[in-house]
């Protein structure tokens, strides 16, 4: 007995996680462009795909939008590929400074 899968699902299985992420990326970008998606989540997808410049651009956008996902930036392994980049380090430092400030 064989399982019937929709063609799109078979493509994800064949491409694995990266295949799934590649197919999610345009959807995430479209949602972001409409003001409905998270720049932080988009940055994570880009980082996981090795698209470092795009990941940094969306992380900067997440900072500008003050997205709550940034609270987890230093602990999120999705961004490990960026840890040696000076732009990432600046972003992480800014986020850390904001978190360490006493709240009024």
Protein backbone atom coordinates (compact mmCIF):
# COMPACT_ATOMS: atom_id res chain seq x y z
CA UNK A 1 0.00 0.00 0.00
CA UNK A 2 1.48 3.36 -1.01
CA UNK A 3 0.77 6.69 0.57
CA UNK A 4 -0.57 9.39 -1.66
CA UNK A 5 1.04 12.77 -1.05
CA UNK A 6 0.31 16.04 -2.77
CA UNK A 7 3.08 16.98 -5.23
CA UNK A 8 4.22 19.91 -3.08
CA UNK A 9 4.68 17.68 -0.02
CA UNK A 10 6.78 15.25 -2.05
CA UNK A 11 9.01 18.13 -3.13
CA UNK A 12 9.62 19.06 0.49
CA UNK A 13 10.46 15.49 1.37
CA UNK A 14 12.90 15.28 -1.53
CA UNK A 15 14.52 18.62 -0.67
CA UNK A 16 14.51 18.06 3.07
CA UNK A 17 14.49 20.97 5.48
CA UNK A 18 16.37 23.25 3.11
CA UNK A 19 13.86 22.50 0.36
CA UNK A 20 11.03 23.39 2.70
CA UNK A 21 12.79 26.59 3.78
CA UNK A 22 13.47 27.58 0.16
CA UNK A 23 9.78 27.20 -0.64
CA UNK A 24 8.78 29.12 2.52
CA UNK A 25 11.09 32.05 1.79
CA UNK A 26 9.04 33.76 -0.94
CA UNK A 27 5.88 33.36 1.14
CA UNK A 28 7.57 34.87 4.19
CA UNK A 29 8.90 37.76 2.07
CA UNK A 30 5.46 38.44 0.64
CA UNK A 31 3.92 38.44 4.11
CA UNK A 32 6.67 40.78 5.36
CA UNK A 33 6.17 43.14 2.42
CA UNK A 34 2.47 43.31 3.27
CA UNK A 35 3.30 44.18 6.87
CA UNK A 36 2.03 40.83 8.14
CA UNK A 37 5.21 38.83 8.60
CA UNK A 38 8.07 38.87 11.06
CA UNK A 39 11.43 40.25 9.94
CA UNK A 40 13.05 38.17 12.71
CA UNK A 41 11.54 34.91 11.41
CA UNK A 42 12.51 35.85 7.86
CA UNK A 43 16.07 36.54 9.03
CA UNK A 44 16.18 33.12 10.68
CA UNK A 45 15.06 31.40 7.48
CA UNK A 46 17.67 33.29 5.46
CA UNK A 47 20.41 32.45 7.98
CA UNK A 48 19.49 28.76 7.93
CA UNK A 49 19.75 28.82 4.13
CA UNK A 50 23.16 30.50 4.28
CA UNK A 51 21.84 33.78 2.85
CA UNK A 52 23.84 35.88 5.29
CA UNK A 53 23.39 39.32 3.72
CA UNK A 54 19.63 38.89 3.55
CA UNK A 55 19.53 37.55 7.11
CA UNK A 56 21.40 40.61 8.38
CA UNK A 57 19.15 42.95 6.43
CA UNK A 58 16.04 41.39 7.96
CA UNK A 59 17.60 41.37 11.44
CA UNK A 60 18.16 45.10 11.07
CA UNK A 61 14.53 45.49 10.02
CA UNK A 62 13.49 43.48 13.10
CA UNK A 63 15.45 45.95 15.24
CA UNK A 64 13.78 48.91 13.59
CA UNK A 65 10.38 47.32 14.20
CA UNK A 66 11.39 46.31 17.75
CA UNK A 67 10.20 42.76 17.21
CA UNK A 68 9.96 40.61 20.31
CA UNK A 69 11.80 37.69 18.67
CA UNK A 70 15.00 39.66 19.18
CA UNK A 71 14.79 38.79 22.87
CA UNK A 72 16.00 35.32 21.87
CA UNK A 73 18.66 36.41 19.37
CA UNK A 74 21.70 35.46 21.44
CA UNK A 75 20.26 32.00 22.22
CA UNK A 76 18.81 31.14 18.83
CA UNK A 77 21.02 28.58 17.03
CA UNK A 78 19.44 29.57 13.69
CA UNK A 79 21.83 32.54 13.69
CA UNK A 80 25.04 30.63 14.52
CA UNK A 81 26.28 31.16 10.97
CA UNK A 82 26.27 34.93 11.62
CA UNK A 83 28.14 35.01 14.93
CA UNK A 84 31.45 36.04 13.32
CA UNK A 85 29.90 38.89 11.32
CA UNK A 86 30.46 42.40 12.74
CA UNK A 87 26.97 43.56 11.69
CA UNK A 88 25.44 40.68 13.66
CA UNK A 89 27.64 41.52 16.63
CA UNK A 90 26.46 45.16 16.51
CA UNK A 91 22.82 44.10 16.40
CA UNK A 92 23.29 41.62 19.25
CA UNK A 93 25.07 44.28 21.29
CA UNK A 94 22.27 46.82 20.74
CA UNK A 95 19.66 44.26 21.71
CA UNK A 96 21.65 43.28 24.81
CA UNK A 97 21.99 46.92 25.86
CA UNK A 98 18.26 47.49 25.57
CA UNK A 99 17.54 44.37 27.60
CA UNK A 100 19.93 45.37 30.37
CA UNK A 101 18.43 48.84 30.86
CA UNK A 102 16.20 49.18 33.91
CA UNK A 103 12.55 49.56 33.06
CA UNK A 104 10.77 52.71 34.32
